[in-house]
Amino acid sequence: MENLTFTGYTDPKYGSETGSYTALLDPDTLKLDKEIVYAEDRQLGAIGGNVKFVRYKAENLSFKFTIDCTGLVEGTKENDQVYNKIQEIENLLYVYNTDGHRPSYVKVLYGTMVFHGQVKKFEVDYTLFDDKGNPLRASVSLTFTGFRNSEEERKKFSKQSPDMSRLITVKEGETLPYLCYRIYGDSLLVREVARFNDLDSFRNIPAGTQLLFPPLKKS
């Protein structure tokens, strides 16, 4: 059995850990989906048309695993309760994190797979109860949407075609609106580029700063 583990973090660089949870049973299902967005440039009456790359959508990871407190699963303690296990997962992944001012960023590990993201959907089905109505077994379904900070994005996209993205080093006297106009032909995209690079402001960017300019369309 490969341990399924997810760890929460307060920061987008995955440096400040809030806790982790390791499932005792392998996932019943696991699905990773990736999607690319294209735009069709089709003229009226044309049968075909050019298909242009627009952007990658965030990857999604979903899986279902079982929490079993019947005593049959190796590693389960005598006082383990399903409700407590569910609450532990909810606190780690779903509940608003006061230090990070948002739900936690999450790193999911399973075998050789490593996924960075944030929880999108959290579902619990209770499937077995004792004679007092206390749950003994539950099926947990989790869906995560991928998240990479700007530094990780630069590492990924700097190796790709310049038609997809551009890694630019700011020169003395250059401003972000100027660079947006030079690259996209539209200086109004400045706020999107600033947000993509985790900039608090697009003004007074020091020379030597590396910025990633992702595929964007003119306003």
N, C-alpha and C. Protein backbone atom coordinates (compact mmCIF):
# COMPACT_ATOMS: atom_id res chain seq x y z
N MET A 1 0.83 -1.20 0.00
CA MET A 1 0.00 0.00 0.00
C MET A 1 0.87 1.25 0.00
N GLU A 2 0.53 2.20 -0.88
CA GLU A 2 1.19 3.50 -0.89
C GLU A 2 0.37 4.45 -0.03
N ASN A 3 1.02 5.16 0.89
CA ASN A 3 0.29 6.07 1.77
C ASN A 3 -0.17 7.32 1.01
N LEU A 4 -1.44 7.63 1.17
CA LEU A 4 -2.01 8.87 0.64
C LEU A 4 -1.92 9.91 1.75
N THR A 5 -1.16 10.97 1.50
CA THR A 5 -0.94 11.99 2.53
C THR A 5 -1.21 13.36 1.95
N PHE A 6 -1.93 14.21 2.70
CA PHE A 6 -2.07 15.60 2.30
C PHE A 6 -1.66 16.49 3.46
N THR A 7 -0.93 17.54 3.11
CA THR A 7 -0.36 18.47 4.09
C THR A 7 -0.82 19.88 3.79
N GLY A 8 -1.25 20.60 4.82
CA GLY A 8 -1.73 21.97 4.65
C GLY A 8 -0.63 22.99 4.89
N TYR A 9 -0.73 24.13 4.19
CA TYR A 9 0.25 25.22 4.32
C TYR A 9 -0.49 26.55 4.32
N THR A 10 0.07 27.52 5.04
CA THR A 10 -0.56 28.84 5.10
C THR A 10 -0.13 29.73 3.94
N ASP A 11 1.01 29.42 3.30
CA ASP A 11 1.56 30.32 2.28
C ASP A 11 1.63 29.64 0.92
N PRO A 12 1.57 30.42 -0.17
CA PRO A 12 1.57 29.85 -1.52
C PRO A 12 2.90 29.24 -1.95
N LYS A 13 3.95 29.43 -1.16
CA LYS A 13 5.24 28.80 -1.47
C LYS A 13 5.40 27.47 -0.74
N TYR A 14 4.36 27.06 -0.02
CA TYR A 14 4.35 25.79 0.68
C TYR A 14 5.54 25.67 1.65
N GLY A 15 5.71 26.71 2.44
CA GLY A 15 6.82 26.73 3.38
C GLY A 15 6.39 26.60 4.83
N SER A 16 5.17 27.08 5.15
CA SER A 16 4.72 27.09 6.55
C SER A 16 3.61 26.05 6.72
N GLU A 17 3.96 24.92 7.31
CA GLU A 17 3.05 23.78 7.41
C GLU A 17 2.08 23.94 8.58
N THR A 18 0.82 23.56 8.35
CA THR A 18 -0.19 23.63 9.40
C THR A 18 -0.53 22.26 9.97
N GLY A 19 -0.17 21.20 9.28
CA GLY A 19 -0.49 19.85 9.73
C GLY A 19 -0.63 18.92 8.54
N SER A 20 -0.78 17.63 8.81
CA SER A 20 -0.93 16.67 7.71
C SER A 20 -1.84 15.53 8.14
N TYR A 21 -2.34 14.81 7.16
CA TYR A 21 -3.21 13.66 7.41
C TYR A 21 -2.79 12.54 6.47
N THR A 22 -2.66 11.33 6.99
CA THR A 22 -2.31 10.16 6.19
C THR A 22 -3.43 9.14 6.26
N ALA A 23 -3.96 8.77 5.10
CA ALA A 23 -5.03 7.78 5.04
C ALA A 23 -4.46 6.38 5.25
N LEU A 24 -5.20 5.55 5.98
CA LEU A 24 -4.74 4.19 6.25
C LEU A 24 -5.07 3.23 5.11
N LEU A 25 -6.01 3.64 4.25
CA LEU A 25 -6.40 2.80 3.12
C LEU A 25 -6.10 3.50 1.80
N ASP A 26 -5.75 2.73 0.78
CA ASP A 26 -5.51 3.28 -0.54
C ASP A 26 -6.79 3.93 -1.08
N PRO A 27 -6.66 4.90 -1.99
CA PRO A 27 -7.85 5.49 -2.60
C PRO A 27 -8.66 4.45 -3.37
N ASP A 28 -9.98 4.56 -3.30
CA ASP A 28 -10.84 3.69 -4.11
C ASP A 28 -10.78 4.12 -5.58
N THR A 29 -10.70 5.42 -5.79
CA THR A 29 -10.56 5.98 -7.13
C THR A 29 -9.61 7.16 -7.06
N LEU A 30 -8.96 7.47 -8.18
CA LEU A 30 -8.09 8.64 -8.26
C LEU A 30 -8.10 9.13 -9.71
N LYS A 31 -8.35 10.40 -9.91
CA LYS A 31 -8.45 10.96 -11.25
C LYS A 31 -7.71 12.29 -11.32
N LEU A 32 -6.87 12.43 -12.34
CA LEU A 32 -6.15 13.68 -12.60
C LEU A 32 -6.54 14.15 -13.98
N ASP A 33 -7.09 15.37 -14.07
CA ASP A 33 -7.46 15.86 -15.40
C ASP A 33 -6.76 17.18 -15.71
N LYS A 34 -6.35 17.31 -16.96
CA LYS A 34 -5.67 18.50 -17.46
C LYS A 34 -6.41 18.98 -18.69
N GLU A 35 -6.43 20.30 -18.89
CA GLU A 35 -7.20 20.85 -20.01
C GLU A 35 -6.50 22.08 -20.57
N ILE A 36 -6.54 22.18 -21.90
CA ILE A 36 -5.98 23.34 -22.61
C ILE A 36 -7.12 24.10 -23.24
N VAL A 37 -7.08 25.42 -23.17
CA VAL A 37 -8.09 26.28 -23.78
C VAL A 37 -7.57 26.79 -25.12
N TYR A 38 -8.35 26.57 -26.16
CA TYR A 38 -8.02 27.08 -27.48
C TYR A 38 -9.12 28.04 -27.93
N ALA A 39 -8.76 28.95 -28.81
CA ALA A 39 -9.74 29.87 -29.39
C ALA A 39 -9.78 29.64 -30.89
N GLU A 40 -10.99 29.48 -31.43
CA GLU A 40 -11.16 29.28 -32.86
C GLU A 40 -11.27 30.62 -33.57
N ASP A 41 -10.46 30.79 -34.61
CA ASP A 41 -10.50 31.99 -35.43
C ASP A 41 -11.19 31.62 -36.74
N ARG A 42 -12.49 31.49 -36.69
CA ARG A 42 -13.24 31.00 -37.84
C ARG A 42 -14.04 32.12 -38.47
N GLN A 43 -13.89 32.28 -39.77
CA GLN A 43 -14.64 33.29 -40.50
C GLN A 43 -16.01 32.75 -40.89
N LEU A 44 -16.96 33.65 -41.11
CA LEU A 44 -18.31 33.28 -41.47
C LEU A 44 -18.31 32.47 -42.77
N GLY A 45 -18.91 31.30 -42.74
CA GLY A 45 -19.00 30.47 -43.93
C GLY A 45 -17.84 29.50 -44.10
N ALA A 46 -16.79 29.62 -43.26
CA ALA A 46 -15.63 28.74 -43.39
C ALA A 46 -15.92 27.40 -42.74
N ILE A 47 -15.39 26.35 -43.38
CA ILE A 47 -15.57 25.00 -42.84
C ILE A 47 -14.61 24.77 -41.68
N GLY A 48 -13.38 25.14 -41.89
CA GLY A 48 -12.37 25.00 -40.84
C GLY A 48 -11.97 26.35 -40.29
N GLY A 49 -10.90 26.39 -39.57
CA GLY A 49 -10.42 27.64 -39.01
C GLY A 49 -9.16 27.42 -38.21
N ASN A 50 -8.44 28.49 -37.96
CA ASN A 50 -7.24 28.38 -37.14
C ASN A 50 -7.63 28.20 -35.68
N VAL A 51 -6.92 27.35 -34.99
CA VAL A 51 -7.13 27.13 -33.57
C VAL A 51 -5.89 27.62 -32.84
N LYS A 52 -6.05 28.65 -32.02
CA LYS A 52 -4.92 29.28 -31.35
C LYS A 52 -4.90 28.90 -29.87
N PHE A 53 -3.70 28.62 -29.39
CA PHE A 53 -3.53 28.35 -27.96
C PHE A 53 -3.84 29.60 -27.16
N VAL A 54 -4.63 29.45 -26.09
CA VAL A 54 -4.95 30.56 -25.20
C VAL A 54 -4.25 30.40 -23.86
N ARG A 55 -4.50 29.29 -23.18
CA ARG A 55 -3.90 29.09 -21.86
C ARG A 55 -4.15 27.65 -21.40
N TYR A 56 -3.41 27.26 -20.37
CA TYR A 56 -3.69 26.01 -19.67
C TYR A 56 -4.69 26.30 -18.55
N LYS A 57 -5.65 25.43 -18.38
CA LYS A 57 -6.51 25.51 -17.21
C LYS A 57 -5.79 24.86 -16.03
N ALA A 58 -6.21 25.23 -14.83
CA ALA A 58 -5.64 24.60 -13.65
C ALA A 58 -5.95 23.10 -13.66
N GLU A 59 -4.97 22.29 -13.28
CA GLU A 59 -5.19 20.85 -13.20
C GLU A 59 -6.12 20.54 -12.03
N ASN A 60 -6.85 19.46 -12.16
CA ASN A 60 -7.74 19.03 -11.09
C ASN A 60 -7.41 17.60 -10.68
N LEU A 61 -7.37 17.37 -9.39
CA LEU A 61 -7.14 16.04 -8.84
C LEU A 61 -8.33 15.67 -7.96
N SER A 62 -8.88 14.50 -8.19
CA SER A 62 -10.00 14.04 -7.36
C SER A 62 -9.78 12.58 -6.98
N PHE A 63 -10.16 12.24 -5.79
CA PHE A 63 -10.04 10.86 -5.34
C PHE A 63 -11.04 10.58 -4.23
N LYS A 64 -11.27 9.28 -4.01
CA LYS A 64 -12.18 8.84 -2.96
C LYS A 64 -11.46 7.77 -2.14
N PHE A 65 -11.53 7.91 -0.82
CA PHE A 65 -10.94 6.90 0.04
C PHE A 65 -11.86 6.64 1.23
N THR A 66 -11.60 5.55 1.93
CA THR A 66 -12.48 5.11 3.01
C THR A 66 -11.81 5.28 4.37
N ILE A 67 -12.58 5.80 5.31
CA ILE A 67 -12.16 5.82 6.71
C ILE A 67 -12.94 4.72 7.43
N ASP A 68 -12.23 3.79 8.03
CA ASP A 68 -12.85 2.62 8.66
C ASP A 68 -12.40 2.53 10.12
N CYS A 69 -13.35 2.67 11.03
CA CYS A 69 -13.04 2.59 12.46
C CYS A 69 -13.74 1.38 13.10
N THR A 70 -13.89 0.31 12.32
CA THR A 70 -14.50 -0.91 12.84
C THR A 70 -13.49 -1.75 13.61
N GLY A 71 -12.20 -1.41 13.50
CA GLY A 71 -11.16 -2.18 14.14
C GLY A 71 -10.53 -3.21 13.22
N LEU A 72 -11.02 -3.29 11.98
CA LEU A 72 -10.51 -4.27 11.03
C LEU A 72 -9.27 -3.79 10.29
N VAL A 73 -9.06 -2.47 10.25
CA VAL A 73 -7.95 -1.90 9.48
C VAL A 73 -6.72 -1.77 10.36
N GLU A 74 -5.61 -2.30 9.86
CA GLU A 74 -4.35 -2.21 10.61
C GLU A 74 -3.94 -0.75 10.78
N GLY A 75 -3.56 -0.38 11.98
CA GLY A 75 -3.15 0.99 12.28
C GLY A 75 -4.23 1.80 12.95
N THR A 76 -5.48 1.28 12.94
CA THR A 76 -6.58 1.96 13.61
C THR A 76 -6.48 1.76 15.12
N LYS A 77 -6.65 2.85 15.88
CA LYS A 77 -6.60 2.77 17.34
C LYS A 77 -7.98 2.47 17.90
N GLU A 78 -8.02 1.94 19.12
CA GLU A 78 -9.28 1.52 19.72
C GLU A 78 -10.25 2.69 19.91
N ASN A 79 -9.69 3.87 20.23
CA ASN A 79 -10.55 5.02 20.49
C ASN A 79 -10.78 5.91 19.25
N ASP A 80 -10.33 5.47 18.07
CA ASP A 80 -10.55 6.24 16.84
C ASP A 80 -12.04 6.31 16.52
N GLN A 81 -12.50 7.49 16.13
CA GLN A 81 -13.89 7.69 15.75
C GLN A 81 -13.96 8.37 14.38
N VAL A 82 -14.91 7.93 13.58
CA VAL A 82 -15.04 8.46 12.22
C VAL A 82 -15.29 9.97 12.25
N TYR A 83 -16.17 10.43 13.12
CA TYR A 83 -16.47 11.87 13.18
C TYR A 83 -15.20 12.69 13.44
N ASN A 84 -14.36 12.21 14.34
CA ASN A 84 -13.13 12.92 14.66
C ASN A 84 -12.17 12.96 13.47
N LYS A 85 -12.10 11.84 12.74
CA LYS A 85 -11.25 11.79 11.55
C LYS A 85 -11.72 12.78 10.49
N ILE A 86 -13.03 12.82 10.30
CA ILE A 86 -13.60 13.74 9.31
C ILE A 86 -13.33 15.19 9.72
N GLN A 87 -13.49 15.48 11.01
CA GLN A 87 -13.26 16.84 11.50
C GLN A 87 -11.78 17.23 11.33
N GLU A 88 -10.89 16.28 11.54
CA GLU A 88 -9.46 16.54 11.37
C GLU A 88 -9.15 16.92 9.92
N ILE A 89 -9.73 16.20 8.98
CA ILE A 89 -9.53 16.50 7.56
C ILE A 89 -10.14 17.86 7.21
N GLU A 90 -11.34 18.11 7.70
CA GLU A 90 -12.02 19.38 7.41
C GLU A 90 -11.23 20.57 7.94
N ASN A 91 -10.73 20.46 9.16
CA ASN A 91 -9.94 21.55 9.75
C ASN A 91 -8.66 21.80 8.96
N LEU A 92 -8.07 20.74 8.46
CA LEU A 92 -6.81 20.85 7.74
C LEU A 92 -6.98 21.45 6.35
N LEU A 93 -8.01 21.03 5.64
CA LEU A 93 -8.14 21.38 4.22
C LEU A 93 -9.20 22.43 3.91
N TYR A 94 -10.28 22.42 4.65
CA TYR A 94 -11.47 23.17 4.25
C TYR A 94 -11.71 24.44 5.06
N VAL A 95 -11.46 24.36 6.35
CA VAL A 95 -11.77 25.49 7.25
C VAL A 95 -10.85 26.67 6.97
N TYR A 96 -11.42 27.87 7.08
CA TYR A 96 -10.67 29.12 6.87
C TYR A 96 -9.47 29.18 7.81
N ASN A 97 -8.29 29.42 7.23
CA ASN A 97 -7.06 29.48 8.02
C ASN A 97 -6.77 30.93 8.40
N THR A 98 -6.80 31.25 9.69
CA THR A 98 -6.64 32.64 10.12
C THR A 98 -5.23 33.18 9.86
N ASP A 99 -4.22 32.31 9.88
CA ASP A 99 -2.85 32.77 9.59
C ASP A 99 -2.68 33.11 8.12
N GLY A 100 -3.26 32.30 7.26
CA GLY A 100 -3.13 32.54 5.83
C GLY A 100 -4.25 33.38 5.25
N HIS A 101 -5.29 33.66 6.06
CA HIS A 101 -6.45 34.46 5.65
C HIS A 101 -7.17 33.83 4.45
N ARG A 102 -7.28 32.50 4.47
CA ARG A 102 -7.95 31.75 3.41
C ARG A 102 -7.83 30.27 3.76
N PRO A 103 -8.55 29.38 3.09
CA PRO A 103 -8.31 27.95 3.29
C PRO A 103 -6.87 27.59 2.92
N SER A 104 -6.36 26.54 3.47
CA SER A 104 -4.95 26.20 3.30
C SER A 104 -4.61 25.78 1.88
N TYR A 105 -3.36 26.07 1.48
CA TYR A 105 -2.77 25.45 0.30
C TYR A 105 -2.43 24.01 0.69
N VAL A 106 -2.49 23.10 -0.27
CA VAL A 106 -2.33 21.69 0.07
C VAL A 106 -1.34 21.00 -0.87
N LYS A 107 -0.50 20.17 -0.29
CA LYS A 107 0.37 19.28 -1.06
C LYS A 107 -0.13 17.85 -0.86
N VAL A 108 -0.45 17.19 -1.97
CA VAL A 108 -0.95 15.81 -1.92
C VAL A 108 0.16 14.87 -2.40
N LEU A 109 0.44 13.84 -1.61
CA LEU A 109 1.45 12.84 -1.98
C LEU A 109 0.80 11.47 -2.04
N TYR A 110 1.06 10.76 -3.14
CA TYR A 110 0.60 9.38 -3.25
C TYR A 110 1.57 8.63 -4.16
N GLY A 111 2.36 7.74 -3.59
CA GLY A 111 3.39 7.07 -4.38
C GLY A 111 4.40 8.09 -4.89
N THR A 112 4.58 8.12 -6.20
CA THR A 112 5.50 9.08 -6.82
C THR A 112 4.79 10.37 -7.24
N MET A 113 3.47 10.44 -7.04
CA MET A 113 2.71 11.62 -7.45
C MET A 113 2.78 12.71 -6.38
N VAL A 114 3.05 13.94 -6.83
CA VAL A 114 3.02 15.12 -5.97
C VAL A 114 2.12 16.15 -6.63
N PHE A 115 1.11 16.62 -5.92
CA PHE A 115 0.16 17.58 -6.47
C PHE A 115 0.05 18.77 -5.54
N HIS A 116 0.22 19.98 -6.09
CA HIS A 116 0.07 21.21 -5.31
C HIS A 116 -1.25 21.88 -5.69
N GLY A 117 -2.06 22.20 -4.69
CA GLY A 117 -3.33 22.83 -5.02
C GLY A 117 -4.08 23.32 -3.80
N GLN A 118 -5.39 23.37 -3.95
CA GLN A 118 -6.26 23.82 -2.88
C GLN A 118 -7.59 23.08 -3.04
N VAL A 119 -8.23 22.79 -1.92
CA VAL A 119 -9.44 21.97 -1.99
C VAL A 119 -10.57 22.74 -2.66
N LYS A 120 -11.27 22.05 -3.52
CA LYS A 120 -12.38 22.63 -4.27
C LYS A 120 -13.71 22.06 -3.80
N LYS A 121 -13.71 20.77 -3.47
CA LYS A 121 -14.95 20.11 -3.04
C LYS A 121 -14.62 19.02 -2.02
N PHE A 122 -15.46 18.93 -1.00
CA PHE A 122 -15.25 17.99 0.10
C PHE A 122 -16.58 17.31 0.40
N GLU A 123 -16.66 16.00 0.16
CA GLU A 123 -17.90 15.26 0.36
C GLU A 123 -17.65 14.06 1.27
N VAL A 124 -18.63 13.75 2.11
CA VAL A 124 -18.53 12.60 3.02
C VAL A 124 -19.82 11.80 2.94
N ASP A 125 -19.68 10.49 2.70
CA ASP A 125 -20.81 9.57 2.77
C ASP A 125 -20.56 8.59 3.91
N TYR A 126 -21.46 8.59 4.91
CA TYR A 126 -21.36 7.63 6.01
C TYR A 126 -22.06 6.35 5.59
N THR A 127 -21.33 5.24 5.66
CA THR A 127 -21.84 4.00 5.06
C THR A 127 -22.10 2.87 6.05
N LEU A 128 -21.63 3.00 7.29
CA LEU A 128 -21.84 1.95 8.29
C LEU A 128 -21.94 2.57 9.67
N PHE A 129 -22.93 2.09 10.47
CA PHE A 129 -23.18 2.65 11.80
C PHE A 129 -23.26 1.53 12.83
N ASP A 130 -22.97 1.90 14.09
CA ASP A 130 -23.18 0.92 15.17
C ASP A 130 -24.63 0.99 15.63
N ASP A 131 -24.99 0.20 16.66
CA ASP A 131 -26.40 0.15 17.09
C ASP A 131 -26.86 1.43 17.78
N LYS A 132 -25.93 2.33 18.08
CA LYS A 132 -26.30 3.61 18.69
C LYS A 132 -26.35 4.74 17.65
N GLY A 133 -26.09 4.41 16.39
CA GLY A 133 -26.15 5.41 15.33
C GLY A 133 -24.83 6.12 15.08
N ASN A 134 -23.77 5.70 15.74
CA ASN A 134 -22.46 6.31 15.51
C ASN A 134 -21.83 5.71 14.25
N PRO A 135 -21.27 6.55 13.37
CA PRO A 135 -20.69 6.02 12.13
C PRO A 135 -19.40 5.23 12.40
N LEU A 136 -19.28 4.11 11.73
CA LEU A 136 -18.09 3.28 11.83
C LEU A 136 -17.25 3.33 10.55
N ARG A 137 -17.86 3.76 9.48
CA ARG A 137 -17.15 3.80 8.20
C ARG A 137 -17.71 4.95 7.37
N ALA A 138 -16.82 5.63 6.66
CA ALA A 138 -17.23 6.75 5.80
C ALA A 138 -16.39 6.76 4.54
N SER A 139 -17.02 7.21 3.46
CA SER A 139 -16.33 7.38 2.18
C SER A 139 -16.11 8.88 1.97
N VAL A 140 -14.86 9.28 1.79
CA VAL A 140 -14.50 10.70 1.65
C VAL A 140 -14.09 10.97 0.22
N SER A 141 -14.74 11.95 -0.41
CA SER A 141 -14.40 12.37 -1.77
C SER A 141 -13.82 13.78 -1.72
N LEU A 142 -12.64 13.94 -2.29
CA LEU A 142 -11.98 15.25 -2.29
C LEU A 142 -11.62 15.63 -3.73
N THR A 143 -11.85 16.89 -4.06
CA THR A 143 -11.43 17.44 -5.35
C THR A 143 -10.54 18.64 -5.09
N PHE A 144 -9.37 18.65 -5.71
CA PHE A 144 -8.42 19.76 -5.58
C PHE A 144 -8.22 20.42 -6.93
N THR A 145 -8.08 21.73 -6.92
CA THR A 145 -7.69 22.45 -8.12
C THR A 145 -6.24 22.89 -7.95
N GLY A 146 -5.46 22.75 -9.01
CA GLY A 146 -4.02 22.99 -8.91
C GLY A 146 -3.68 24.44 -8.66
N PHE A 147 -2.57 24.64 -7.97
CA PHE A 147 -2.07 26.00 -7.71
C PHE A 147 -0.56 25.97 -7.72
N ARG A 148 0.05 26.89 -8.48
CA ARG A 148 1.50 27.10 -8.46
C ARG A 148 1.73 28.58 -8.23
N ASN A 149 2.70 28.93 -7.37
CA ASN A 149 3.04 30.32 -7.19
C ASN A 149 3.81 30.81 -8.40
N SER A 150 4.05 32.11 -8.48
CA SER A 150 4.66 32.70 -9.67
C SER A 150 6.06 32.16 -9.93
N GLU A 151 6.81 31.83 -8.87
CA GLU A 151 8.16 31.29 -9.04
C GLU A 151 8.11 29.93 -9.74
N GLU A 152 7.15 29.08 -9.33
CA GLU A 152 7.00 27.78 -9.97
C GLU A 152 6.52 27.92 -11.40
N GLU A 153 5.64 28.92 -11.64
CA GLU A 153 5.18 29.17 -13.01
C GLU A 153 6.34 29.56 -13.91
N ARG A 154 7.24 30.37 -13.37
CA ARG A 154 8.39 30.79 -14.18
C ARG A 154 9.26 29.59 -14.54
N LYS A 155 9.45 28.69 -13.58
CA LYS A 155 10.26 27.51 -13.85
C LYS A 155 9.64 26.66 -14.94
N LYS A 156 8.31 26.55 -14.91
CA LYS A 156 7.63 25.72 -15.90
C LYS A 156 7.61 26.38 -17.27
N PHE A 157 7.17 27.63 -17.33
CA PHE A 157 6.93 28.26 -18.61
C PHE A 157 8.19 28.81 -19.27
N SER A 158 9.25 29.03 -18.50
CA SER A 158 10.48 29.54 -19.12
C SER A 158 11.09 28.52 -20.07
N LYS A 159 10.70 27.23 -19.93
CA LYS A 159 11.22 26.19 -20.80
C LYS A 159 10.34 25.99 -22.03
N GLN A 160 9.23 26.71 -22.09
CA GLN A 160 8.30 26.51 -23.19
C GLN A 160 8.57 27.51 -24.32
N SER A 161 7.80 27.36 -25.37
CA SER A 161 7.91 28.24 -26.53
C SER A 161 7.63 29.68 -26.13
N PRO A 162 8.36 30.65 -26.71
CA PRO A 162 8.08 32.05 -26.40
C PRO A 162 6.70 32.48 -26.89
N ASP A 163 6.07 31.71 -27.79
CA ASP A 163 4.72 32.03 -28.22
C ASP A 163 3.71 31.76 -27.11
N MET A 164 4.13 30.92 -26.14
CA MET A 164 3.23 30.59 -25.04
C MET A 164 3.42 31.55 -23.87
N SER A 165 4.65 31.89 -23.57
CA SER A 165 4.92 32.80 -22.47
C SER A 165 6.33 33.35 -22.62
N ARG A 166 6.58 34.44 -21.93
CA ARG A 166 7.89 35.08 -22.03
C ARG A 166 8.38 35.46 -20.65
N LEU A 167 9.63 35.14 -20.39
CA LEU A 167 10.27 35.52 -19.14
C LEU A 167 11.16 36.71 -19.44
N ILE A 168 10.81 37.87 -18.88
CA ILE A 168 11.48 39.13 -19.20
C ILE A 168 12.19 39.67 -17.96
N THR A 169 13.42 40.14 -18.14
CA THR A 169 14.14 40.83 -17.08
C THR A 169 13.96 42.33 -17.28
N VAL A 170 13.41 43.00 -16.29
CA VAL A 170 13.12 44.44 -16.39
C VAL A 170 14.43 45.23 -16.45
N LYS A 171 14.52 46.12 -17.43
CA LYS A 171 15.69 46.97 -17.58
C LYS A 171 15.43 48.34 -16.96
N GLU A 172 16.54 49.06 -16.71
CA GLU A 172 16.44 50.40 -16.12
C GLU A 172 15.56 51.29 -16.99
N GLY A 173 14.57 51.93 -16.37
CA GLY A 173 13.70 52.85 -17.08
C GLY A 173 12.45 52.20 -17.65
N GLU A 174 12.38 50.86 -17.65
CA GLU A 174 11.21 50.18 -18.19
C GLU A 174 10.11 50.10 -17.13
N THR A 175 8.88 50.25 -17.57
CA THR A 175 7.73 50.13 -16.69
C THR A 175 6.88 48.95 -17.13
N LEU A 176 6.03 48.48 -16.25
CA LEU A 176 5.18 47.35 -16.59
C LEU A 176 4.18 47.70 -17.69
N PRO A 177 3.55 48.89 -17.67
CA PRO A 177 2.66 49.24 -18.78
C PRO A 177 3.40 49.24 -20.13
N TYR A 178 4.64 49.74 -20.12
CA TYR A 178 5.43 49.75 -21.36
C TYR A 178 5.69 48.32 -21.85
N LEU A 179 6.06 47.42 -20.93
CA LEU A 179 6.35 46.03 -21.31
C LEU A 179 5.08 45.33 -21.80
N CYS A 180 3.94 45.63 -21.17
CA CYS A 180 2.69 45.03 -21.63
C CYS A 180 2.35 45.50 -23.04
N TYR A 181 2.60 46.78 -23.31
CA TYR A 181 2.33 47.29 -24.66
C TYR A 181 3.28 46.67 -25.67
N ARG A 182 4.55 46.50 -25.27
CA ARG A 182 5.55 45.93 -26.19
C ARG A 182 5.24 44.47 -26.51
N ILE A 183 4.78 43.71 -25.50
CA ILE A 183 4.57 42.28 -25.68
C ILE A 183 3.18 41.96 -26.22
N TYR A 184 2.17 42.64 -25.68
CA TYR A 184 0.80 42.32 -26.06
C TYR A 184 0.17 43.35 -26.99
N GLY A 185 0.80 44.53 -27.06
CA GLY A 185 0.17 45.60 -27.80
C GLY A 185 -0.96 46.24 -27.03
N ASP A 186 -0.99 46.05 -25.72
CA ASP A 186 -2.07 46.57 -24.89
C ASP A 186 -1.56 46.81 -23.47
N SER A 187 -1.37 48.06 -23.09
CA SER A 187 -0.85 48.38 -21.76
C SER A 187 -1.89 48.16 -20.67
N LEU A 188 -3.18 47.97 -21.05
CA LEU A 188 -4.24 47.79 -20.06
C LEU A 188 -4.20 46.40 -19.41
N LEU A 189 -3.34 45.53 -19.93
CA LEU A 189 -3.21 44.19 -19.33
C LEU A 189 -2.27 44.19 -18.13
N VAL A 190 -1.85 45.37 -17.72
CA VAL A 190 -0.85 45.50 -16.66
C VAL A 190 -1.30 44.86 -15.35
N ARG A 191 -2.57 44.99 -15.00
CA ARG A 191 -3.05 44.45 -13.72
C ARG A 191 -3.05 42.92 -13.74
N GLU A 192 -3.39 42.32 -14.87
CA GLU A 192 -3.37 40.86 -14.96
C GLU A 192 -1.95 40.32 -14.83
N VAL A 193 -0.99 40.98 -15.46
CA VAL A 193 0.41 40.55 -15.38
C VAL A 193 0.92 40.72 -13.95
N ALA A 194 0.57 41.84 -13.32
CA ALA A 194 1.00 42.08 -11.93
C ALA A 194 0.43 41.02 -11.00
N ARG A 195 -0.84 40.67 -11.19
CA ARG A 195 -1.48 39.65 -10.35
C ARG A 195 -0.83 38.28 -10.59
N PHE A 196 -0.49 37.98 -11.84
CA PHE A 196 0.12 36.70 -12.19
C PHE A 196 1.49 36.54 -11.53
N ASN A 197 2.20 37.67 -11.34
CA ASN A 197 3.54 37.63 -10.75
C ASN A 197 3.55 37.98 -9.27
N ASP A 198 2.36 38.01 -8.64
CA ASP A 198 2.25 38.27 -7.19
C ASP A 198 2.83 39.64 -6.81
N LEU A 199 2.62 40.64 -7.67
CA LEU A 199 3.11 41.99 -7.38
C LEU A 199 2.05 42.77 -6.61
N ASP A 200 2.45 43.44 -5.56
CA ASP A 200 1.51 44.28 -4.81
C ASP A 200 1.16 45.53 -5.60
N SER A 201 2.09 45.98 -6.44
CA SER A 201 1.89 47.18 -7.27
C SER A 201 2.65 47.00 -8.56
N PHE A 202 2.14 47.61 -9.63
CA PHE A 202 2.85 47.53 -10.91
C PHE A 202 3.75 48.76 -11.13
N ARG A 203 3.85 49.60 -10.14
CA ARG A 203 4.69 50.80 -10.27
C ARG A 203 6.06 50.58 -9.61
N ASN A 204 7.06 51.25 -10.13
CA ASN A 204 8.42 51.26 -9.55
C ASN A 204 8.99 49.85 -9.36
N ILE A 205 8.94 49.05 -10.41
CA ILE A 205 9.52 47.71 -10.35
C ILE A 205 11.03 47.83 -10.57
N PRO A 206 11.86 47.32 -9.64
CA PRO A 206 13.31 47.49 -9.75
C PRO A 206 13.88 46.82 -10.99
N ALA A 207 14.89 47.45 -11.58
CA ALA A 207 15.60 46.85 -12.71
C ALA A 207 16.23 45.53 -12.26
N GLY A 208 16.19 44.53 -13.13
CA GLY A 208 16.72 43.21 -12.80
C GLY A 208 15.65 42.23 -12.35
N THR A 209 14.43 42.73 -12.07
CA THR A 209 13.34 41.86 -11.68
C THR A 209 12.91 41.00 -12.86
N GLN A 210 12.72 39.70 -12.62
CA GLN A 210 12.24 38.81 -13.68
C GLN A 210 10.73 38.67 -13.57
N LEU A 211 10.05 38.90 -14.70
CA LEU A 211 8.59 38.80 -14.75
C LEU A 211 8.18 37.81 -15.83
N LEU A 212 7.15 37.04 -15.53
CA LEU A 212 6.63 36.10 -16.50
C LEU A 212 5.38 36.72 -17.16
N PHE A 213 5.40 36.77 -18.47
CA PHE A 213 4.27 37.30 -19.24
C PHE A 213 3.55 36.12 -19.89
N PRO A 214 2.42 35.70 -19.31
CA PRO A 214 1.71 34.53 -19.82
C PRO A 214 0.92 34.88 -21.08
N PRO A 215 0.37 33.87 -21.76
CA PRO A 215 -0.47 34.15 -22.93
C PRO A 215 -1.72 34.90 -22.50
N LEU A 216 -1.89 36.12 -22.97
CA LEU A 216 -3.07 36.93 -22.67
C LEU A 216 -3.58 37.54 -23.96
N LYS A 217 -4.88 37.79 -23.99
CA LYS A 217 -5.49 38.42 -25.16
C LYS A 217 -5.71 39.90 -24.89
N LYS A 218 -5.63 40.70 -25.94
CA LYS A 218 -5.84 42.14 -25.81
C LYS A 218 -7.26 42.41 -25.33
N SER A 219 -7.39 43.48 -24.54
CA SER A 219 -8.72 43.84 -24.02
C SER A 219 -9.65 44.28 -25.15
